[in-house]
Amino acid sequence: MARLVISEDARSEDLAPLALAVNEIVRLPITLRSADYPGVRVEKGKVLDASYSGPILEEVLQTGRSVHTIPERGAYKGVPVSVAPIVVEGKTVAAIGVVDVVGTIDLPKVFGAYANIVRQVSENK
């Protein structure tokens, strides 16, 4: 029987199917590791690193809290990421991260332009 197990001692081969599925859904780079072992880094439907850990994944594993930041080192240095703990029975057993594309967008600029477009279209009616 096939099954997916996420525990503090899950290995990259245990976590890869979940990371690949999330990557397929959101179409963004995904990182996933357990508390005791490095995990995976997935991009474009492929496992790029099967022994992956990053500074923000490690921070989330230590604190048990979600983090939204721009790492100063690692594979995603300078790129906004969001990382959340996977908690089972009150214990952080793993952490999953995603490149935060919203953090790369200048929202005031985008929505300011949108408001101007709406105003312009409304005036031309």
PDB file of N, CA and C in Angstrom:
ATOM      1  N   MET A   1       0.835  -1.168   0.000  1.00  0.00           N
ATOM      2  CA  MET A   1       0.000   0.000   0.000  1.00  0.00           C
ATOM      3  C   MET A   1       0.889   1.244   0.000  1.00  0.00           C
ATOM      4  N   ALA A   2       0.640   2.142  -0.945  1.00  0.00           N
ATOM      5  CA  ALA A   2       1.387   3.400  -0.997  1.00  0.00           C
ATOM      6  C   ALA A   2       0.824   4.359   0.039  1.00  0.00           C
ATOM      7  N   ARG A   3       1.711   5.133   0.675  1.00  0.00           N
ATOM      8  CA  ARG A   3       1.249   6.126   1.631  1.00  0.00           C
ATOM      9  C   ARG A   3       2.276   7.239   1.753  1.00  0.00           C
ATOM     10  N   LEU A   4       1.797   8.358   2.205  1.00  0.00           N
ATOM     11  CA  LEU A   4       2.637   9.525   2.399  1.00  0.00           C
ATOM     12  C   LEU A   4       2.767   9.757   3.892  1.00  0.00           C
ATOM     13  N   VAL A   5       4.016   9.843   4.360  1.00  0.00           N
ATOM     14  CA  VAL A   5       4.258  10.037   5.787  1.00  0.00           C
ATOM     15  C   VAL A   5       5.075  11.308   5.967  1.00  0.00           C
ATOM     16  N   ILE A   6       4.552  12.195   6.799  1.00  0.00           N
ATOM     17  CA  ILE A   6       5.303  13.394   7.149  1.00  0.00           C
ATOM     18  C   ILE A   6       5.574  13.308   8.645  1.00  0.00           C
ATOM     19  N   SER A   7       6.832  13.133   8.960  1.00  0.00           N
ATOM     20  CA  SER A   7       7.234  13.036  10.356  1.00  0.00           C
ATOM     21  C   SER A   7       8.565  13.752  10.515  1.00  0.00           C
ATOM     22  N   GLU A   8       9.023  13.886  11.748  1.00  0.00           N
ATOM     23  CA  GLU A   8      10.285  14.588  11.977  1.00  0.00           C
ATOM     24  C   GLU A   8      11.469  13.881  11.342  1.00  0.00           C
ATOM     25  N   ASP A   9      11.342  12.574  11.067  1.00  0.00           N
ATOM     26  CA  ASP A   9      12.459  11.871  10.447  1.00  0.00           C
ATOM     27  C   ASP A   9      12.184  11.469   8.989  1.00  0.00           C
ATOM     28  N   ALA A  10      11.241  12.157   8.346  1.00  0.00           N
ATOM     29  CA  ALA A  10      10.969  11.899   6.926  1.00  0.00           C
ATOM     30  C   ALA A  10      12.190  12.310   6.095  1.00  0.00           C
ATOM     31  N   ARG A  11      12.473  11.526   5.088  1.00  0.00           N
ATOM     32  CA  ARG A  11      13.601  11.786   4.189  1.00  0.00           C
ATOM     33  C   ARG A  11      13.083  12.443   2.912  1.00  0.00           C
ATOM     34  N   SER A  12      13.992  12.906   2.098  1.00  0.00           N
ATOM     35  CA  SER A  12      13.603  13.612   0.878  1.00  0.00           C
ATOM     36  C   SER A  12      12.701  12.759  -0.017  1.00  0.00           C
ATOM     37  N   GLU A  13      12.984  11.463  -0.097  1.00  0.00           N
ATOM     38  CA  GLU A  13      12.142  10.609  -0.942  1.00  0.00           C
ATOM     39  C   GLU A  13      10.725  10.473  -0.385  1.00  0.00           C
ATOM     40  N   ASP A  14      10.560  10.659   0.926  1.00  0.00           N
ATOM     41  CA  ASP A  14       9.228  10.643   1.531  1.00  0.00           C
ATOM     42  C   ASP A  14       8.470  11.931   1.223  1.00  0.00           C
ATOM     43  N   LEU A  15       9.195  13.043   1.174  1.00  0.00           N
ATOM     44  CA  LEU A  15       8.577  14.363   1.036  1.00  0.00           C
ATOM     45  C   LEU A  15       8.409  14.819  -0.405  1.00  0.00           C
ATOM     46  N   ALA A  16       9.191  14.262  -1.315  1.00  0.00           N
ATOM     47  CA  ALA A  16       9.173  14.698  -2.711  1.00  0.00           C
ATOM     48  C   ALA A  16       7.775  14.652  -3.348  1.00  0.00           C
ATOM     49  N   PRO A  17       6.970  13.600  -3.154  1.00  0.00           N
ATOM     50  CA  PRO A  17       5.651  13.591  -3.795  1.00  0.00           C
ATOM     51  C   PRO A  17       4.760  14.769  -3.375  1.00  0.00           C
ATOM     52  N   LEU A  18       4.805  15.150  -2.115  1.00  0.00           N
ATOM     53  CA  LEU A  18       4.010  16.289  -1.650  1.00  0.00           C
ATOM     54  C   LEU A  18       4.543  17.593  -2.238  1.00  0.00           C
ATOM     55  N   ALA A  19       5.857  17.780  -2.209  1.00  0.00           N
ATOM     56  CA  ALA A  19       6.456  18.997  -2.764  1.00  0.00           C
ATOM     57  C   ALA A  19       6.156  19.119  -4.262  1.00  0.00           C
ATOM     58  N   LEU A  20       6.232  18.009  -4.978  1.00  0.00           N
ATOM     59  CA  LEU A  20       5.930  18.022  -6.412  1.00  0.00           C
ATOM     60  C   LEU A  20       4.455  18.376  -6.662  1.00  0.00           C
ATOM     61  N   ALA A  21       3.564  17.852  -5.842  1.00  0.00           N
ATOM     62  CA  ALA A  21       2.137  18.145  -6.009  1.00  0.00           C
ATOM     63  C   ALA A  21       1.836  19.622  -5.753  1.00  0.00           C
ATOM     64  N   VAL A  22       2.412  20.173  -4.689  1.00  0.00           N
ATOM     65  CA  VAL A  22       2.202  21.590  -4.383  1.00  0.00           C
ATOM     66  C   VAL A  22       2.797  22.441  -5.500  1.00  0.00           C
ATOM     67  N   ASN A  23       3.975  22.082  -5.990  1.00  0.00           N
ATOM     68  CA  ASN A  23       4.592  22.799  -7.094  1.00  0.00           C
ATOM     69  C   ASN A  23       3.700  22.785  -8.329  1.00  0.00           C
ATOM     70  N   GLU A  24       3.082  21.666  -8.598  1.00  0.00           N
ATOM     71  CA  GLU A  24       2.191  21.545  -9.756  1.00  0.00           C
ATOM     72  C   GLU A  24       0.975  22.464  -9.604  1.00  0.00           C
ATOM     73  N   ILE A  25       0.462  22.576  -8.396  1.00  0.00           N
ATOM     74  CA  ILE A  25      -0.719  23.413  -8.157  1.00  0.00           C
ATOM     75  C   ILE A  25      -0.399  24.899  -8.268  1.00  0.00           C
ATOM     76  N   VAL A  26       0.641  25.333  -7.562  1.00  0.00           N
ATOM     77  CA  VAL A  26       0.925  26.770  -7.481  1.00  0.00           C
ATOM     78  C   VAL A  26       1.914  27.248  -8.541  1.00  0.00           C
ATOM     79  N   ARG A  27       2.603  26.317  -9.195  1.00  0.00           N
ATOM     80  CA  ARG A  27       3.569  26.648 -10.247  1.00  0.00           C
ATOM     81  C   ARG A  27       4.676  27.576  -9.754  1.00  0.00           C
ATOM     82  N   LEU A  28       5.062  27.389  -8.504  1.00  0.00           N
ATOM     83  CA  LEU A  28       6.127  28.174  -7.884  1.00  0.00           C
ATOM     84  C   LEU A  28       7.125  27.218  -7.238  1.00  0.00           C
ATOM     85  N   PRO A  29       8.367  27.659  -7.069  1.00  0.00           N
ATOM     86  CA  PRO A  29       9.347  26.808  -6.387  1.00  0.00           C
ATOM     87  C   PRO A  29       8.887  26.458  -4.970  1.00  0.00           C
ATOM     88  N   ILE A  30       9.091  25.204  -4.592  1.00  0.00           N
ATOM     89  CA  ILE A  30       8.686  24.678  -3.285  1.00  0.00           C
ATOM     90  C   ILE A  30       9.900  24.049  -2.617  1.00  0.00           C
ATOM     91  N   THR A  31      10.028  24.291  -1.319  1.00  0.00           N
ATOM     92  CA  THR A  31      11.036  23.604  -0.517  1.00  0.00           C
ATOM     93  C   THR A  31      10.318  22.916   0.630  1.00  0.00           C
ATOM     94  N   LEU A  32      10.805  21.756   1.024  1.00  0.00           N
ATOM     95  CA  LEU A  32      10.160  20.986   2.082  1.00  0.00           C
ATOM     96  C   LEU A  32      11.216  20.110   2.747  1.00  0.00           C
ATOM     97  N   ARG A  33      11.295  20.198   4.062  1.00  0.00           N
ATOM     98  CA  ARG A  33      12.220  19.336   4.800  1.00  0.00           C
ATOM     99  C   ARG A  33      11.615  18.960   6.142  1.00  0.00           C
ATOM    100  N   SER A  34      12.077  17.837   6.664  1.00  0.00           N
ATOM    101  CA  SER A  34      11.630  17.412   7.983  1.00  0.00           C
ATOM    102  C   SER A  34      12.540  18.029   9.039  1.00  0.00           C
ATOM    103  N   ALA A  35      12.165  17.866  10.293  1.00  0.00           N
ATOM    104  CA  ALA A  35      12.948  18.435  11.391  1.00  0.00           C
ATOM    105  C   ALA A  35      14.330  17.793  11.504  1.00  0.00           C
ATOM    106  N   ASP A  36      14.433  16.508  11.176  1.00  0.00           N
ATOM    107  CA  ASP A  36      15.690  15.794  11.394  1.00  0.00           C
ATOM    108  C   ASP A  36      16.561  15.592  10.159  1.00  0.00           C
ATOM    109  N   TYR A  37      15.983  15.779   8.961  1.00  0.00           N
ATOM    110  CA  TYR A  37      16.744  15.504   7.740  1.00  0.00           C
ATOM    111  C   TYR A  37      16.494  16.565   6.681  1.00  0.00           C
ATOM    112  N   PRO A  38      17.525  16.823   5.850  1.00  0.00           N
ATOM    113  CA  PRO A  38      17.307  17.716   4.706  1.00  0.00           C
ATOM    114  C   PRO A  38      16.206  17.153   3.819  1.00  0.00           C
ATOM    115  N   GLY A  39      15.618  18.023   3.032  1.00  0.00           N
ATOM    116  CA  GLY A  39      14.496  17.613   2.200  1.00  0.00           C
ATOM    117  C   GLY A  39      14.724  17.887   0.731  1.00  0.00           C
ATOM    118  N   VAL A  40      13.729  18.524   0.103  1.00  0.00           N
ATOM    119  CA  VAL A  40      13.771  18.724  -1.342  1.00  0.00           C
ATOM    120  C   VAL A  40      13.548  20.184  -1.711  1.00  0.00           C
ATOM    121  N   ARG A  41      14.099  20.523  -2.867  1.00  0.00           N
ATOM    122  CA  ARG A  41      13.832  21.800  -3.519  1.00  0.00           C
ATOM    123  C   ARG A  41      13.295  21.451  -4.889  1.00  0.00           C
ATOM    124  N   VAL A  42      12.072  21.928  -5.176  1.00  0.00           N
ATOM    125  CA  VAL A  42      11.368  21.554  -6.403  1.00  0.00           C
ATOM    126  C   VAL A  42      11.052  22.806  -7.217  1.00  0.00           C
ATOM    127  N   GLU A  43      11.356  22.740  -8.498  1.00  0.00           N
ATOM    128  CA  GLU A  43      10.999  23.803  -9.432  1.00  0.00           C
ATOM    129  C   GLU A  43      10.608  23.174 -10.757  1.00  0.00           C
ATOM    130  N   LYS A  44       9.577  23.723 -11.391  1.00  0.00           N
ATOM    131  CA  LYS A  44       9.132  23.295 -12.723  1.00  0.00           C
ATOM    132  C   LYS A  44       8.926  21.787 -12.815  1.00  0.00           C
ATOM    133  N   GLY A  45       8.330  21.212 -11.759  1.00  0.00           N
ATOM    134  CA  GLY A  45       7.997  19.796 -11.774  1.00  0.00           C
ATOM    135  C   GLY A  45       9.151  18.844 -11.575  1.00  0.00           C
ATOM    136  N   LYS A  46      10.310  19.375 -11.145  1.00  0.00           N
ATOM    137  CA  LYS A  46      11.477  18.520 -10.964  1.00  0.00           C
ATOM    138  C   LYS A  46      12.122  18.765  -9.611  1.00  0.00           C
ATOM    139  N   VAL A  47      12.620  17.699  -9.026  1.00  0.00           N
ATOM    140  CA  VAL A  47      13.397  17.814  -7.794  1.00  0.00           C
ATOM    141  C   VAL A  47      14.802  18.255  -8.204  1.00  0.00           C
ATOM    142  N   LEU A  48      15.156  19.480  -7.846  1.00  0.00           N
ATOM    143  CA  LEU A  48      16.472  20.015  -8.188  1.00  0.00           C
ATOM    144  C   LEU A  48      17.524  19.662  -7.144  1.00  0.00           C
ATOM    145  N   ASP A  49      17.066  19.441  -5.919  1.00  0.00           N
ATOM    146  CA  ASP A  49      17.992  19.122  -4.827  1.00  0.00           C
ATOM    147  C   ASP A  49      17.276  18.171  -3.873  1.00  0.00           C
ATOM    148  N   ALA A  50      17.832  16.984  -3.678  1.00  0.00           N
ATOM    149  CA  ALA A  50      17.224  15.980  -2.801  1.00  0.00           C
ATOM    150  C   ALA A  50      17.898  15.930  -1.437  1.00  0.00           C
ATOM    151  N   SER A  51      18.703  16.944  -1.144  1.00  0.00           N
ATOM    152  CA  SER A  51      19.337  17.058   0.164  1.00  0.00           C
ATOM    153  C   SER A  51      19.328  18.538   0.563  1.00  0.00           C
ATOM    154  N   TYR A  52      18.136  19.144   0.485  1.00  0.00           N
ATOM    155  CA  TYR A  52      18.011  20.592   0.614  1.00  0.00           C
ATOM    156  C   TYR A  52      17.634  21.041   2.016  1.00  0.00           C
ATOM    157  N   SER A  53      18.273  22.124   2.413  1.00  0.00           N
ATOM    158  CA  SER A  53      17.850  22.871   3.588  1.00  0.00           C
ATOM    159  C   SER A  53      18.190  24.321   3.327  1.00  0.00           C
ATOM    160  N   GLY A  54      17.386  25.191   3.854  1.00  0.00           N
ATOM    161  CA  GLY A  54      17.637  26.610   3.697  1.00  0.00           C
ATOM    162  C   GLY A  54      17.523  27.305   5.039  1.00  0.00           C
ATOM    163  N   PRO A  55      18.069  28.504   5.146  1.00  0.00           N
ATOM    164  CA  PRO A  55      18.076  29.196   6.433  1.00  0.00           C
ATOM    165  C   PRO A  55      16.677  29.495   6.971  1.00  0.00           C
ATOM    166  N   ILE A  56      15.736  29.756   6.114  1.00  0.00           N
ATOM    167  CA  ILE A  56      14.388  30.081   6.599  1.00  0.00           C
ATOM    168  C   ILE A  56      13.648  28.808   6.996  1.00  0.00           C
ATOM    169  N   LEU A  57      13.849  27.712   6.259  1.00  0.00           N
ATOM    170  CA  LEU A  57      13.272  26.430   6.684  1.00  0.00           C
ATOM    171  C   LEU A  57      13.779  26.083   8.084  1.00  0.00           C
ATOM    172  N   GLU A  58      15.071  26.258   8.297  1.00  0.00           N
ATOM    173  CA  GLU A  58      15.664  25.937   9.597  1.00  0.00           C
ATOM    174  C   GLU A  58      15.125  26.846  10.705  1.00  0.00           C
ATOM    175  N   GLU A  59      14.942  28.128  10.387  1.00  0.00           N
ATOM    176  CA  GLU A  59      14.371  29.058  11.373  1.00  0.00           C
ATOM    177  C   GLU A  59      12.960  28.636  11.774  1.00  0.00           C
ATOM    178  N   VAL A  60      12.156  28.272  10.789  1.00  0.00           N
ATOM    179  CA  VAL A  60      10.774  27.853  11.069  1.00  0.00           C
ATOM    180  C   VAL A  60      10.757  26.565  11.879  1.00  0.00           C
ATOM    181  N   LEU A  61      11.657  25.643  11.587  1.00  0.00           N
ATOM    182  CA  LEU A  61      11.728  24.412  12.369  1.00  0.00           C
ATOM    183  C   LEU A  61      12.088  24.704  13.824  1.00  0.00           C
ATOM    184  N   GLN A  62      12.950  25.681  14.045  1.00  0.00           N
ATOM    185  CA  GLN A  62      13.352  26.024  15.411  1.00  0.00           C
ATOM    186  C   GLN A  62      12.267  26.776  16.169  1.00  0.00           C
ATOM    187  N   THR A  63      11.584  27.706  15.487  1.00  0.00           N
ATOM    188  CA  THR A  63      10.610  28.570  16.177  1.00  0.00           C
ATOM    189  C   THR A  63       9.192  28.024  16.142  1.00  0.00           C
ATOM    190  N   GLY A  64       8.883  27.211  15.130  1.00  0.00           N
ATOM    191  CA  GLY A  64       7.520  26.729  14.967  1.00  0.00           C
ATOM    192  C   GLY A  64       6.568  27.796  14.458  1.00  0.00           C
ATOM    193  N   ARG A  65       7.112  28.902  13.933  1.00  0.00           N
ATOM    194  CA  ARG A  65       6.285  30.010  13.436  1.00  0.00           C
ATOM    195  C   ARG A  65       6.530  30.249  11.958  1.00  0.00           C
ATOM    196  N   SER A  66       5.485  30.662  11.257  1.00  0.00           N
ATOM    197  CA  SER A  66       5.612  31.029   9.847  1.00  0.00           C
ATOM    198  C   SER A  66       6.496  32.253   9.704  1.00  0.00           C
ATOM    199  N   VAL A  67       7.210  32.307   8.578  1.00  0.00           N
ATOM    200  CA  VAL A  67       8.088  33.439   8.294  1.00  0.00           C
ATOM    201  C   VAL A  67       7.874  33.877   6.852  1.00  0.00           C
ATOM    202  N   HIS A  68       7.747  35.183   6.662  1.00  0.00           N
ATOM    203  CA  HIS A  68       7.669  35.797   5.334  1.00  0.00           C
ATOM    204  C   HIS A  68       8.827  36.789   5.281  1.00  0.00           C
ATOM    205  N   THR A  69       9.835  36.504   4.445  1.00  0.00           N
ATOM    206  CA  THR A  69      11.047  37.315   4.461  1.00  0.00           C
ATOM    207  C   THR A  69      11.792  37.199   3.142  1.00  0.00           C
ATOM    208  N   ILE A  70      12.900  37.898   3.079  1.00  0.00           N
ATOM    209  CA  ILE A  70      13.826  37.788   1.954  1.00  0.00           C
ATOM    210  C   ILE A  70      15.146  37.266   2.527  1.00  0.00           C
ATOM    211  N   PRO A  71      15.494  36.014   2.217  1.00  0.00           N
ATOM    212  CA  PRO A  71      16.712  35.432   2.779  1.00  0.00           C
ATOM    213  C   PRO A  71      17.972  36.187   2.351  1.00  0.00           C
ATOM    214  N   GLU A  72      18.942  36.241   3.242  1.00  0.00           N
ATOM    215  CA  GLU A  72      20.226  36.879   2.952  1.00  0.00           C
ATOM    216  C   GLU A  72      21.248  35.879   2.438  1.00  0.00           C
ATOM    217  N   ARG A  73      20.899  34.585   2.495  1.00  0.00           N
ATOM    218  CA  ARG A  73      21.787  33.544   1.975  1.00  0.00           C
ATOM    219  C   ARG A  73      20.938  32.351   1.532  1.00  0.00           C
ATOM    220  N   GLY A  74      21.567  31.446   0.833  1.00  0.00           N
ATOM    221  CA  GLY A  74      20.883  30.244   0.373  1.00  0.00           C
ATOM    222  C   GLY A  74      20.443  30.338  -1.079  1.00  0.00           C
ATOM    223  N   ALA A  75      19.775  29.300  -1.543  1.00  0.00           N
ATOM    224  CA  ALA A  75      19.354  29.212  -2.945  1.00  0.00           C
ATOM    225  C   ALA A  75      18.421  30.342  -3.358  1.00  0.00           C
ATOM    226  N   TYR A  76      17.665  30.887  -2.401  1.00  0.00           N
ATOM    227  CA  TYR A  76      16.698  31.941  -2.719  1.00  0.00           C
ATOM    228  C   TYR A  76      17.114  33.290  -2.127  1.00  0.00           C
ATOM    229  N   LYS A  77      18.412  33.485  -2.015  1.00  0.00           N
ATOM    230  CA  LYS A  77      18.950  34.752  -1.508  1.00  0.00           C
ATOM    231  C   LYS A  77      18.374  35.909  -2.328  1.00  0.00           C
ATOM    232  N   GLY A  78      17.828  36.908  -1.614  1.00  0.00           N
ATOM    233  CA  GLY A  78      17.299  38.091  -2.268  1.00  0.00           C
ATOM    234  C   GLY A  78      15.907  37.944  -2.860  1.00  0.00           C
ATOM    235  N   VAL A  79      15.295  36.777  -2.694  1.00  0.00           N
ATOM    236  CA  VAL A  79      13.970  36.512  -3.256  1.00  0.00           C
ATOM    237  C   VAL A  79      12.969  36.324  -2.108  1.00  0.00           C
ATOM    238  N   PRO A  80      11.827  37.014  -2.143  1.00  0.00           N
ATOM    239  CA  PRO A  80      10.845  36.832  -1.065  1.00  0.00           C
ATOM    240  C   PRO A  80      10.355  35.387  -0.982  1.00  0.00           C
ATOM    241  N   VAL A  81      10.302  34.864   0.238  1.00  0.00           N
ATOM    242  CA  VAL A  81       9.800  33.517   0.470  1.00  0.00           C
ATOM    243  C   VAL A  81       8.816  33.527   1.636  1.00  0.00           C
ATOM    244  N   SER A  82       7.939  32.553   1.638  1.00  0.00           N
ATOM    245  CA  SER A  82       7.039  32.306   2.762  1.00  0.00           C
ATOM    246  C   SER A  82       7.231  30.857   3.172  1.00  0.00           C
ATOM    247  N   VAL A  83       7.459  30.645   4.465  1.00  0.00           N
ATOM    248  CA  VAL A  83       7.705  29.301   4.980  1.00  0.00           C
ATOM    249  C   VAL A  83       6.806  29.080   6.189  1.00  0.00           C
ATOM    250  N   ALA A  84       6.177  27.912   6.244  1.00  0.00           N
ATOM    251  CA  ALA A  84       5.270  27.584   7.345  1.00  0.00           C
ATOM    252  C   ALA A  84       5.655  26.244   7.961  1.00  0.00           C
ATOM    253  N   PRO A  85       5.407  26.116   9.265  1.00  0.00           N
ATOM    254  CA  PRO A  85       5.672  24.823   9.914  1.00  0.00           C
ATOM    255  C   PRO A  85       4.552  23.833   9.607  1.00  0.00           C
ATOM    256  N   ILE A  86       4.893  22.570   9.618  1.00  0.00           N
ATOM    257  CA  ILE A  86       3.889  21.497   9.607  1.00  0.00           C
ATOM    258  C   ILE A  86       3.917  20.947  11.017  1.00  0.00           C
ATOM    259  N   VAL A  87       2.802  21.124  11.716  1.00  0.00           N
ATOM    260  CA  VAL A  87       2.715  20.783  13.136  1.00  0.00           C
ATOM    261  C   VAL A  87       1.813  19.565  13.319  1.00  0.00           C
ATOM    262  N   VAL A  88       2.321  18.574  14.035  1.00  0.00           N
ATOM    263  CA  VAL A  88       1.564  17.365  14.350  1.00  0.00           C
ATOM    264  C   VAL A  88       1.587  17.182  15.861  1.00  0.00           C
ATOM    265  N   GLU A  89       0.404  17.119  16.446  1.00  0.00           N
ATOM    266  CA  GLU A  89       0.273  16.944  17.895  1.00  0.00           C
ATOM    267  C   GLU A  89       1.121  17.962  18.667  1.00  0.00           C
ATOM    268  N   GLY A  90       1.107  19.213  18.191  1.00  0.00           N
ATOM    269  CA  GLY A  90       1.807  20.289  18.874  1.00  0.00           C
ATOM    270  C   GLY A  90       3.303  20.363  18.614  1.00  0.00           C
ATOM    271  N   LYS A  91       3.833  19.462  17.800  1.00  0.00           N
ATOM    272  CA  LYS A  91       5.268  19.439  17.523  1.00  0.00           C
ATOM    273  C   LYS A  91       5.520  19.781  16.052  1.00  0.00           C
ATOM    274  N   THR A  92       6.481  20.675  15.811  1.00  0.00           N
ATOM    275  CA  THR A  92       6.853  21.012  14.443  1.00  0.00           C
ATOM    276  C   THR A  92       7.694  19.869  13.891  1.00  0.00           C
ATOM    277  N   VAL A  93       7.136  19.156  12.914  1.00  0.00           N
ATOM    278  CA  VAL A  93       7.823  17.992  12.357  1.00  0.00           C
ATOM    279  C   VAL A  93       8.476  18.285  11.011  1.00  0.00           C
ATOM    280  N   ALA A  94       8.041  19.376  10.344  1.00  0.00           N
ATOM    281  CA  ALA A  94       8.589  19.714   9.038  1.00  0.00           C
ATOM    282  C   ALA A  94       8.286  21.180   8.754  1.00  0.00           C
ATOM    283  N   ALA A  95       8.881  21.676   7.685  1.00  0.00           N
ATOM    284  CA  ALA A  95       8.616  23.040   7.230  1.00  0.00           C
ATOM    285  C   ALA A  95       8.517  23.022   5.713  1.00  0.00           C
ATOM    286  N   ILE A  96       7.584  23.813   5.192  1.00  0.00           N
ATOM    287  CA  ILE A  96       7.385  23.916   3.746  1.00  0.00           C
ATOM    288  C   ILE A  96       7.464  25.383   3.351  1.00  0.00           C
ATOM    289  N   GLY A  97       8.150  25.628   2.245  1.00  0.00           N
ATOM    290  CA  GLY A  97       8.333  26.996   1.792  1.00  0.00           C
ATOM    291  C   GLY A  97       7.966  27.166   0.335  1.00  0.00           C
ATOM    292  N   VAL A  98       7.651  28.404  -0.017  1.00  0.00           N
ATOM    293  CA  VAL A  98       7.302  28.752  -1.392  1.00  0.00           C
ATOM    294  C   VAL A  98       7.880  30.127  -1.698  1.00  0.00           C
ATOM    295  N   VAL A  99       8.320  30.314  -2.941  1.00  0.00           N
ATOM    296  CA  VAL A  99       8.731  31.642  -3.365  1.00  0.00           C
ATOM    297  C   VAL A  99       7.483  32.511  -3.362  1.00  0.00           C
ATOM    298  N   ASP A 100       7.577  33.661  -2.723  1.00  0.00           N
ATOM    299  CA  ASP A 100       6.428  34.545  -2.514  1.00  0.00           C
ATOM    300  C   ASP A 100       6.340  35.562  -3.648  1.00  0.00           C
ATOM    301  N   VAL A 101       5.655  35.183  -4.727  1.00  0.00           N
ATOM    302  CA  VAL A 101       5.574  36.081  -5.879  1.00  0.00           C
ATOM    303  C   VAL A 101       4.856  37.383  -5.549  1.00  0.00           C
ATOM    304  N   VAL A 102       3.950  37.363  -4.597  1.00  0.00           N
ATOM    305  CA  VAL A 102       3.277  38.599  -4.211  1.00  0.00           C
ATOM    306  C   VAL A 102       4.298  39.573  -3.646  1.00  0.00           C
ATOM    307  N   GLY A 103       5.295  39.052  -2.946  1.00  0.00           N
ATOM    308  CA  GLY A 103       6.339  39.900  -2.389  1.00  0.00           C
ATOM    309  C   GLY A 103       7.231  40.521  -3.447  1.00  0.00           C
ATOM    310  N   THR A 104       7.186  40.006  -4.679  1.00  0.00           N
ATOM    311  CA  THR A 104       8.004  40.561  -5.754  1.00  0.00           C
ATOM    312  C   THR A 104       7.272  41.615  -6.565  1.00  0.00           C
ATOM    313  N   ILE A 105       5.989  41.800  -6.299  1.00  0.00           N
ATOM    314  CA  ILE A 105       5.172  42.740  -7.064  1.00  0.00           C
ATOM    315  C   ILE A 105       5.052  44.055  -6.298  1.00  0.00           C
ATOM    316  N   ASP A 106       5.204  45.144  -7.004  1.00  0.00           N
ATOM    317  CA  ASP A 106       5.002  46.463  -6.410  1.00  0.00           C
ATOM    318  C   ASP A 106       3.492  46.716  -6.410  1.00  0.00           C
ATOM    319  N   LEU A 107       2.810  46.248  -5.336  1.00  0.00           N
ATOM    320  CA  LEU A 107       1.347  46.313  -5.296  1.00  0.00           C
ATOM    321  C   LEU A 107       0.794  47.727  -5.437  1.00  0.00           C
ATOM    322  N   PRO A 108       1.337  48.730  -4.759  1.00  0.00           N
ATOM    323  CA  PRO A 108       0.791  50.083  -4.958  1.00  0.00           C
ATOM    324  C   PRO A 108       0.863  50.523  -6.417  1.00  0.00           C
ATOM    325  N   LYS A 109       1.955  50.177  -7.080  1.00  0.00           N
ATOM    326  CA  LYS A 109       2.101  50.556  -8.484  1.00  0.00           C
ATOM    327  C   LYS A 109       1.069  49.824  -9.345  1.00  0.00           C
ATOM    328  N   VAL A 110       0.908  48.520  -9.101  1.00  0.00           N
ATOM    329  CA  VAL A 110      -0.041  47.729  -9.881  1.00  0.00           C
ATOM    330  C   VAL A 110      -1.466  48.213  -9.653  1.00  0.00           C
ATOM    331  N   PHE A 111      -1.861  48.367  -8.396  1.00  0.00           N
ATOM    332  CA  PHE A 111      -3.234  48.766  -8.120  1.00  0.00           C
ATOM    333  C   PHE A 111      -3.475  50.232  -8.438  1.00  0.00           C
ATOM    334  N   GLY A 112      -2.442  51.053  -8.352  1.00  0.00           N
ATOM    335  CA  GLY A 112      -2.570  52.446  -8.770  1.00  0.00           C
ATOM    336  C   GLY A 112      -2.858  52.520 -10.253  1.00  0.00           C
ATOM    337  N   ALA A 113      -2.137  51.723 -11.042  1.00  0.00           N
ATOM    338  CA  ALA A 113      -2.378  51.677 -12.484  1.00  0.00           C
ATOM    339  C   ALA A 113      -3.773  51.144 -12.764  1.00  0.00           C
ATOM    340  N   TYR A 114      -4.206  50.152 -12.012  1.00  0.00           N
ATOM    341  CA  TYR A 114      -5.537  49.585 -12.206  1.00  0.00           C
ATOM    342  C   TYR A 114      -6.615  50.637 -11.962  1.00  0.00           C
ATOM    343  N   ALA A 115      -6.462  51.406 -10.899  1.00  0.00           N
ATOM    344  CA  ALA A 115      -7.442  52.457 -10.590  1.00  0.00           C
ATOM    345  C   ALA A 115      -7.478  53.493 -11.700  1.00  0.00           C
ATOM    346  N   ASN A 116      -6.325  53.838 -12.229  1.00  0.00           N
ATOM    347  CA  ASN A 116      -6.276  54.799 -13.332  1.00  0.00           C
ATOM    348  C   ASN A 116      -6.957  54.252 -14.584  1.00  0.00           C
ATOM    349  N   ILE A 117      -6.759  52.983 -14.863  1.00  0.00           N
ATOM    350  CA  ILE A 117      -7.399  52.357 -16.024  1.00  0.00           C
ATOM    351  C   ILE A 117      -8.916  52.354 -15.857  1.00  0.00           C
ATOM    352  N   VAL A 118      -9.387  51.971 -14.683  1.00  0.00           N
ATOM    353  CA  VAL A 118     -10.844  51.954 -14.409  1.00  0.00           C
ATOM    354  C   VAL A 118     -11.416  53.360 -14.578  1.00  0.00           C
ATOM    355  N   ARG A 119     -10.728  54.348 -14.037  1.00  0.00           N
ATOM    356  CA  ARG A 119     -11.182  55.741 -14.144  1.00  0.00           C
ATOM    357  C   ARG A 119     -11.231  56.163 -15.603  1.00  0.00           C
ATOM    358  N   GLN A 120     -10.205  55.829 -16.365  1.00  0.00           N
ATOM    359  CA  GLN A 120     -10.146  56.213 -17.767  1.00  0.00           C
ATOM    360  C   GLN A 120     -11.259  55.540 -18.567  1.00  0.00           C
ATOM    361  N   VAL A 121     -11.498  54.265 -18.326  1.00  0.00           N
ATOM    362  CA  VAL A 121     -12.556  53.540 -19.032  1.00  0.00           C
ATOM    363  C   VAL A 121     -13.924  54.121 -18.666  1.00  0.00           C
ATOM    364  N   SER A 122     -14.121  54.442 -17.398  1.00  0.00           N
ATOM    365  CA  SER A 122     -15.392  55.004 -16.941  1.00  0.00           C
ATOM    366  C   SER A 122     -15.669  56.368 -17.582  1.00  0.00           C
ATOM    367  N   GLU A 123     -14.621  57.164 -17.754  1.00  0.00           N
ATOM    368  CA  GLU A 123     -14.770  58.497 -18.345  1.00  0.00           C
ATOM    369  C   GLU A 123     -15.097  58.427 -19.834  1.00  0.00           C
ATOM    370  N   ASN A 124     -14.704  57.352 -20.498  1.00  0.00           N
ATOM    371  CA  ASN A 124     -14.913  57.214 -21.940  1.00  0.00           C
ATOM    372  C   ASN A 124     -16.248  56.607 -22.308  1.00  0.00           C
ATOM    373  N   LYS A 125     -17.084  56.341 -21.348  1.00  0.00           N
ATOM    374  CA  LYS A 125     -18.393  55.727 -21.644  1.00  0.00           C
ATOM    375  C   LYS A 125     -19.373  56.725 -22.179  1.00  0.00           C
TER     376      LYS A 125
END
